[in-house]
Amino acid sequence: MNDTIPATVIKIGGSTLGAQDTSLQDVVELHRQGQRPVVVHGGGAMISDWLKRLEIESHFVDGLRSTSAPAMEVVLGVLRGVVNTQLVAEIIALGGRAVGLSGVDGAIVQGEQYDERLGFVGRITAANADILNSLLDAGVIPVIAPIALEAPSQPLNINADTMAGEIARALGAAQLIFLTDVDGLMDGTGAVVDSLNAERAEALRAEGVLSGGMIPKIDACFRAAEVGVAAFIANGTQPHTVHRLVSGERIGTRIEA
């Protein structure tokens, strides 16, 4: 059992996965070097596509997808059935050992419904790293779909960025890396903010610069940074971004607690 090497949590979004993407190669290489990577993934674009195909109504409330019972079945099928399985298969094809799971498995991530307008969208109430640590100790890369369990048996749709932050926090990870399709958080002039503290984040939020999908990423980074996790937002469409960050290169935006 190797408790001396903390995990590295990598959030992969659909916008960064493509023909030129090296994120999964980096994950497998990290694992080969004795590191302990954990992958958390999203899949919003594919969910939208399937909801449209199946003619299931879907809308967004404050940036979150309102999830009805029929929509929740699609969320489960796409995230756990399609995206998760594809990522695990790709990691294995690259020579890694991976296991796919969601927050429901072993009740790793627990949540609760909190806004009737959002339906089966949850906020996280607890995250337990025991099963993840067991997998890491066994030399396996966990690949996690953003679904939580509301007791006794209701799966909930969770924002994948929020999920990654809470898992990094529970694991006491060394690093939390958000891979996106931009170079980091941009300021009002379009320049990358290389270091972000809470005060600067509030100022950028007030200016309307920090908005949309970047908000849950930043909030998750601060949650993880509170317990000493080094948190980054960087461009996953660039070659070997994960490797460069883990090697100590200063790219993207680093969040300071």
Foldseek 3Di string as FASTA:
>chain_A
DDPPAFEEEEEDEPQLDDPQFCVLVLVQVCLVVVHQYAYFYEDVVVLVVVCVVVVPDWDDDQQHIQAAPVSVVSLCCCQQPPPQVVSQVVSVVSPAAEDEEECDVVQQWAWDDDDVRRHQATDTDDGACPVVVVCSVVSYHYYYYYWGAYPPGDIGHYDRLLVSLRNCQNRVGQAYEYADADFAQAAPVRDFALEAEPVNVVVRVVVVSQDHPNVSNLVSLVSNVVSPHWYFYGHSNDPPPVVCVVVPHRTYHIYHD
